[in-house]
Amino acid sequence: MAEEARGASVRTYLELIRFGNADPHAFETAVTVLRMRHPDVSRHDARHLVADWICEHLGH
């Protein structure tokens, strides 16, 4: 998966959280960003990828 898609998804999540959006909304929007860049990735797989990326970024 391209590093730019990863960066865009994580940035989306972090910015939405920073501006007070609820975690589920921020997460689903980050998944949508990934799928817009890579429509071949299933929603299920995209959710797992984004969750992993966010956890890695946050140090979990």
PDB file of N, CA and C in Angstrom:
ATOM      1  N   MET A   1       0.861  -1.183   0.000  1.00  0.00           N
ATOM      2  CA  MET A   1       0.000   0.000   0.000  1.00  0.00           C
ATOM      3  C   MET A   1       0.898   1.233   0.000  1.00  0.00           C
ATOM      4  N   ALA A   2       0.573   2.166  -0.812  1.00  0.00           N
ATOM      5  CA  ALA A   2       1.406   3.363  -0.933  1.00  0.00           C
ATOM      6  C   ALA A   2       1.469   4.131   0.382  1.00  0.00           C
ATOM      7  N   GLU A   3       2.661   4.602   0.678  1.00  0.00           N
ATOM      8  CA  GLU A   3       2.891   5.360   1.914  1.00  0.00           C
ATOM      9  C   GLU A   3       2.021   6.616   1.959  1.00  0.00           C
ATOM     10  N   GLU A   4       1.740   7.200   0.808  1.00  0.00           N
ATOM     11  CA  GLU A   4       0.924   8.420   0.796  1.00  0.00           C
ATOM     12  C   GLU A   4      -0.516   8.136   1.227  1.00  0.00           C
ATOM     13  N   ALA A   5      -1.053   6.968   0.890  1.00  0.00           N
ATOM     14  CA  ALA A   5      -2.405   6.606   1.320  1.00  0.00           C
ATOM     15  C   ALA A   5      -2.426   6.414   2.835  1.00  0.00           C
ATOM     16  N   ARG A   6      -1.386   5.796   3.344  1.00  0.00           N
ATOM     17  CA  ARG A   6      -1.274   5.607   4.793  1.00  0.00           C
ATOM     18  C   ARG A   6      -1.233   6.971   5.492  1.00  0.00           C
ATOM     19  N   GLY A   7      -0.363   7.846   5.017  1.00  0.00           N
ATOM     20  CA  GLY A   7      -0.235   9.168   5.610  1.00  0.00           C
ATOM     21  C   GLY A   7      -1.536   9.952   5.563  1.00  0.00           C
ATOM     22  N   ALA A   8      -2.215   9.900   4.421  1.00  0.00           N
ATOM     23  CA  ALA A   8      -3.468  10.634   4.266  1.00  0.00           C
ATOM     24  C   ALA A   8      -4.534  10.103   5.225  1.00  0.00           C
ATOM     25  N   SER A   9      -4.601   8.801   5.383  1.00  0.00           N
ATOM     26  CA  SER A   9      -5.597   8.213   6.279  1.00  0.00           C
ATOM     27  C   SER A   9      -5.319   8.576   7.733  1.00  0.00           C
ATOM     28  N   VAL A  10      -4.071   8.458   8.143  1.00  0.00           N
ATOM     29  CA  VAL A  10      -3.717   8.780   9.536  1.00  0.00           C
ATOM     30  C   VAL A  10      -3.909  10.267   9.810  1.00  0.00           C
ATOM     31  N   ARG A  11      -3.485  11.121   8.879  1.00  0.00           N
ATOM     32  CA  ARG A  11      -3.686  12.572   9.054  1.00  0.00           C
ATOM     33  C   ARG A  11      -5.162  12.921   9.173  1.00  0.00           C
ATOM     34  N   THR A  12      -5.983  12.294   8.347  1.00  0.00           N
ATOM     35  CA  THR A  12      -7.427  12.533   8.398  1.00  0.00           C
ATOM     36  C   THR A  12      -7.964  12.195   9.776  1.00  0.00           C
ATOM     37  N   TYR A  13      -7.602  11.023  10.258  1.00  0.00           N
ATOM     38  CA  TYR A  13      -8.068  10.598  11.579  1.00  0.00           C
ATOM     39  C   TYR A  13      -7.624  11.586  12.661  1.00  0.00           C
ATOM     40  N   LEU A  14      -6.350  11.916  12.683  1.00  0.00           N
ATOM     41  CA  LEU A  14      -5.811  12.791  13.729  1.00  0.00           C
ATOM     42  C   LEU A  14      -6.430  14.188  13.688  1.00  0.00           C
ATOM     43  N   GLU A  15      -6.602  14.724  12.501  1.00  0.00           N
ATOM     44  CA  GLU A  15      -7.183  16.065  12.379  1.00  0.00           C
ATOM     45  C   GLU A  15      -8.639  16.083  12.823  1.00  0.00           C
ATOM     46  N   LEU A  16      -9.393  15.072  12.450  1.00  0.00           N
ATOM     47  CA  LEU A  16     -10.792  15.029  12.874  1.00  0.00           C
ATOM     48  C   LEU A  16     -10.902  14.900  14.396  1.00  0.00           C
ATOM     49  N   ILE A  17     -10.048  14.099  14.989  1.00  0.00           N
ATOM     50  CA  ILE A  17     -10.036  13.975  16.454  1.00  0.00           C
ATOM     51  C   ILE A  17      -9.650  15.315  17.076  1.00  0.00           C
ATOM     52  N   ARG A  18      -8.645  15.956  16.512  1.00  0.00           N
ATOM     53  CA  ARG A  18      -8.176  17.241  17.047  1.00  0.00           C
ATOM     54  C   ARG A  18      -9.286  18.288  17.033  1.00  0.00           C
ATOM     55  N   PHE A  19     -10.144  18.235  16.039  1.00  0.00           N
ATOM     56  CA  PHE A  19     -11.230  19.201  15.941  1.00  0.00           C
ATOM     57  C   PHE A  19     -12.508  18.745  16.645  1.00  0.00           C
ATOM     58  N   GLY A  20     -12.394  17.693  17.453  1.00  0.00           N
ATOM     59  CA  GLY A  20     -13.508  17.301  18.320  1.00  0.00           C
ATOM     60  C   GLY A  20     -14.481  16.281  17.770  1.00  0.00           C
ATOM     61  N   ASN A  21     -14.145  15.659  16.649  1.00  0.00           N
ATOM     62  CA  ASN A  21     -15.028  14.618  16.123  1.00  0.00           C
ATOM     63  C   ASN A  21     -14.886  13.349  16.947  1.00  0.00           C
ATOM     64  N   ALA A  22     -15.959  12.597  17.029  1.00  0.00           N
ATOM     65  CA  ALA A  22     -15.946  11.328  17.753  1.00  0.00           C
ATOM     66  C   ALA A  22     -15.046  10.324  17.033  1.00  0.00           C
ATOM     67  N   ASP A  23     -14.426   9.452  17.811  1.00  0.00           N
ATOM     68  CA  ASP A  23     -13.507   8.454  17.252  1.00  0.00           C
ATOM     69  C   ASP A  23     -14.138   7.623  16.132  1.00  0.00           C
ATOM     70  N   PRO A  24     -15.338   7.078  16.302  1.00  0.00           N
ATOM     71  CA  PRO A  24     -15.895   6.257  15.204  1.00  0.00           C
ATOM     72  C   PRO A  24     -16.034   7.037  13.893  1.00  0.00           C
ATOM     73  N   HIS A  25     -16.431   8.289  13.978  1.00  0.00           N
ATOM     74  CA  HIS A  25     -16.567   9.109  12.774  1.00  0.00           C
ATOM     75  C   HIS A  25     -15.192   9.356  12.139  1.00  0.00           C
ATOM     76  N   ALA A  26     -14.211   9.699  12.940  1.00  0.00           N
ATOM     77  CA  ALA A  26     -12.861   9.954  12.438  1.00  0.00           C
ATOM     78  C   ALA A  26     -12.296   8.691  11.787  1.00  0.00           C
ATOM     79  N   PHE A  27     -12.507   7.562  12.419  1.00  0.00           N
ATOM     80  CA  PHE A  27     -11.998   6.294  11.893  1.00  0.00           C
ATOM     81  C   PHE A  27     -12.650   5.958  10.550  1.00  0.00           C
ATOM     82  N   GLU A  28     -13.963   6.033  10.471  1.00  0.00           N
ATOM     83  CA  GLU A  28     -14.666   5.691   9.227  1.00  0.00           C
ATOM     84  C   GLU A  28     -14.283   6.640   8.096  1.00  0.00           C
ATOM     85  N   THR A  29     -14.041   7.899   8.424  1.00  0.00           N
ATOM     86  CA  THR A  29     -13.613   8.844   7.401  1.00  0.00           C
ATOM     87  C   THR A  29     -12.216   8.494   6.904  1.00  0.00           C
ATOM     88  N   ALA A  30     -11.333   8.087   7.807  1.00  0.00           N
ATOM     89  CA  ALA A  30      -9.985   7.672   7.416  1.00  0.00           C
ATOM     90  C   ALA A  30     -10.044   6.431   6.522  1.00  0.00           C
ATOM     91  N   VAL A  31     -10.953   5.525   6.812  1.00  0.00           N
ATOM     92  CA  VAL A  31     -11.148   4.337   5.967  1.00  0.00           C
ATOM     93  C   VAL A  31     -11.616   4.769   4.580  1.00  0.00           C
ATOM     94  N   THR A  32     -12.519   5.719   4.522  1.00  0.00           N
ATOM     95  CA  THR A  32     -13.023   6.226   3.248  1.00  0.00           C
ATOM     96  C   THR A  32     -11.897   6.858   2.428  1.00  0.00           C
ATOM     97  N   VAL A  33     -11.015   7.595   3.095  1.00  0.00           N
ATOM     98  CA  VAL A  33      -9.872   8.205   2.395  1.00  0.00           C
ATOM     99  C   VAL A  33      -9.015   7.115   1.746  1.00  0.00           C
ATOM    100  N   LEU A  34      -8.734   6.058   2.484  1.00  0.00           N
ATOM    101  CA  LEU A  34      -7.948   4.955   1.916  1.00  0.00           C
ATOM    102  C   LEU A  34      -8.664   4.353   0.707  1.00  0.00           C
ATOM    103  N   ARG A  35      -9.948   4.117   0.841  1.00  0.00           N
ATOM    104  CA  ARG A  35     -10.686   3.466  -0.247  1.00  0.00           C
ATOM    105  C   ARG A  35     -10.856   4.369  -1.462  1.00  0.00           C
ATOM    106  N   MET A  36     -10.842   5.669  -1.252  1.00  0.00           N
ATOM    107  CA  MET A  36     -10.896   6.590  -2.405  1.00  0.00           C
ATOM    108  C   MET A  36      -9.602   6.495  -3.207  1.00  0.00           C
ATOM    109  N   ARG A  37      -8.491   6.307  -2.517  1.00  0.00           N
ATOM    110  CA  ARG A  37      -7.198   6.197  -3.189  1.00  0.00           C
ATOM    111  C   ARG A  37      -6.961   4.796  -3.751  1.00  0.00           C
ATOM    112  N   HIS A  38      -7.559   3.814  -3.107  1.00  0.00           N
ATOM    113  CA  HIS A  38      -7.383   2.413  -3.509  1.00  0.00           C
ATOM    114  C   HIS A  38      -8.733   1.694  -3.471  1.00  0.00           C
ATOM    115  N   PRO A  39      -9.582   1.932  -4.471  1.00  0.00           N
ATOM    116  CA  PRO A  39     -10.918   1.331  -4.465  1.00  0.00           C
ATOM    117  C   PRO A  39     -10.910  -0.191  -4.556  1.00  0.00           C
ATOM    118  N   ASP A  40      -9.777  -0.767  -4.915  1.00  0.00           N
ATOM    119  CA  ASP A  40      -9.670  -2.219  -5.003  1.00  0.00           C
ATOM    120  C   ASP A  40      -9.589  -2.876  -3.626  1.00  0.00           C
ATOM    121  N   VAL A  41      -9.325  -2.091  -2.578  1.00  0.00           N
ATOM    122  CA  VAL A  41      -9.228  -2.628  -1.220  1.00  0.00           C
ATOM    123  C   VAL A  41     -10.640  -2.734  -0.643  1.00  0.00           C
ATOM    124  N   SER A  42     -10.988  -3.910  -0.155  1.00  0.00           N
ATOM    125  CA  SER A  42     -12.324  -4.093   0.414  1.00  0.00           C
ATOM    126  C   SER A  42     -12.492  -3.242   1.672  1.00  0.00           C
ATOM    127  N   ARG A  43     -13.723  -2.949   2.010  1.00  0.00           N
ATOM    128  CA  ARG A  43     -14.000  -2.166   3.219  1.00  0.00           C
ATOM    129  C   ARG A  43     -13.436  -2.897   4.447  1.00  0.00           C
ATOM    130  N   HIS A  44     -13.611  -4.189   4.498  1.00  0.00           N
ATOM    131  CA  HIS A  44     -13.105  -4.995   5.609  1.00  0.00           C
ATOM    132  C   HIS A  44     -11.592  -4.850   5.743  1.00  0.00           C
ATOM    133  N   ASP A  45     -10.877  -5.029   4.645  1.00  0.00           N
ATOM    134  CA  ASP A  45      -9.417  -4.913   4.668  1.00  0.00           C
ATOM    135  C   ASP A  45      -8.972  -3.484   4.980  1.00  0.00           C
ATOM    136  N   ALA A  46      -9.685  -2.514   4.431  1.00  0.00           N
ATOM    137  CA  ALA A  46      -9.339  -1.116   4.685  1.00  0.00           C
ATOM    138  C   ALA A  46      -9.479  -0.781   6.165  1.00  0.00           C
ATOM    139  N   ARG A  47     -10.518  -1.281   6.793  1.00  0.00           N
ATOM    140  CA  ARG A  47     -10.717  -1.030   8.234  1.00  0.00           C
ATOM    141  C   ARG A  47      -9.551  -1.600   9.040  1.00  0.00           C
ATOM    142  N   HIS A  48      -9.107  -2.792   8.689  1.00  0.00           N
ATOM    143  CA  HIS A  48      -7.976  -3.402   9.405  1.00  0.00           C
ATOM    144  C   HIS A  48      -6.680  -2.626   9.163  1.00  0.00           C
ATOM    145  N   LEU A  49      -6.433  -2.248   7.933  1.00  0.00           N
ATOM    146  CA  LEU A  49      -5.216  -1.492   7.617  1.00  0.00           C
ATOM    147  C   LEU A  49      -5.187  -0.167   8.377  1.00  0.00           C
ATOM    148  N   VAL A  50      -6.286   0.578   8.307  1.00  0.00           N
ATOM    149  CA  VAL A  50      -6.331   1.887   8.967  1.00  0.00           C
ATOM    150  C   VAL A  50      -6.191   1.730  10.474  1.00  0.00           C
ATOM    151  N   ALA A  51      -6.837   0.737  11.045  1.00  0.00           N
ATOM    152  CA  ALA A  51      -6.713   0.504  12.493  1.00  0.00           C
ATOM    153  C   ALA A  51      -5.257   0.224  12.858  1.00  0.00           C
ATOM    154  N   ASP A  52      -4.588  -0.600  12.077  1.00  0.00           N
ATOM    155  CA  ASP A  52      -3.177  -0.902  12.335  1.00  0.00           C
ATOM    156  C   ASP A  52      -2.317   0.349  12.221  1.00  0.00           C
ATOM    157  N   TRP A  53      -2.558   1.146  11.187  1.00  0.00           N
ATOM    158  CA  TRP A  53      -1.764   2.359  10.974  1.00  0.00           C
ATOM    159  C   TRP A  53      -1.946   3.355  12.115  1.00  0.00           C
ATOM    160  N   ILE A  54      -3.195   3.515  12.549  1.00  0.00           N
ATOM    161  CA  ILE A  54      -3.458   4.455  13.649  1.00  0.00           C
ATOM    162  C   ILE A  54      -2.801   3.954  14.929  1.00  0.00           C
ATOM    163  N   CYS A  55      -2.934   2.679  15.224  1.00  0.00           N
ATOM    164  CA  CYS A  55      -2.304   2.116  16.423  1.00  0.00           C
ATOM    165  C   CYS A  55      -0.785   2.277  16.382  1.00  0.00           C
ATOM    166  N   GLU A  56      -0.173   2.005  15.250  1.00  0.00           N
ATOM    167  CA  GLU A  56       1.278   2.171  15.106  1.00  0.00           C
ATOM    168  C   GLU A  56       1.659   3.627  15.323  1.00  0.00           C
ATOM    169  N   HIS A  57       0.883   4.529  14.750  1.00  0.00           N
ATOM    170  CA  HIS A  57       1.186   5.947  14.882  1.00  0.00           C
ATOM    171  C   HIS A  57       1.081   6.411  16.342  1.00  0.00           C
ATOM    172  N   LEU A  58       0.094   5.882  17.039  1.00  0.00           N
ATOM    173  CA  LEU A  58      -0.121   6.277  18.432  1.00  0.00           C
ATOM    174  C   LEU A  58       0.770   5.488  19.413  1.00  0.00           C
ATOM    175  N   GLY A  59       1.485   4.523  18.875  1.00  0.00           N
ATOM    176  CA  GLY A  59       2.407   3.754  19.712  1.00  0.00           C
ATOM    177  C   GLY A  59       1.755   2.661  20.524  1.00  0.00           C
ATOM    178  N   HIS A  60       0.650   2.125  20.009  1.00  0.00           N
ATOM    179  CA  HIS A  60      -0.061   1.028  20.719  1.00  0.00           C
ATOM    180  C   HIS A  60       0.384  -0.310  20.196  1.00  0.00           C
TER     181      HIS A  60
END
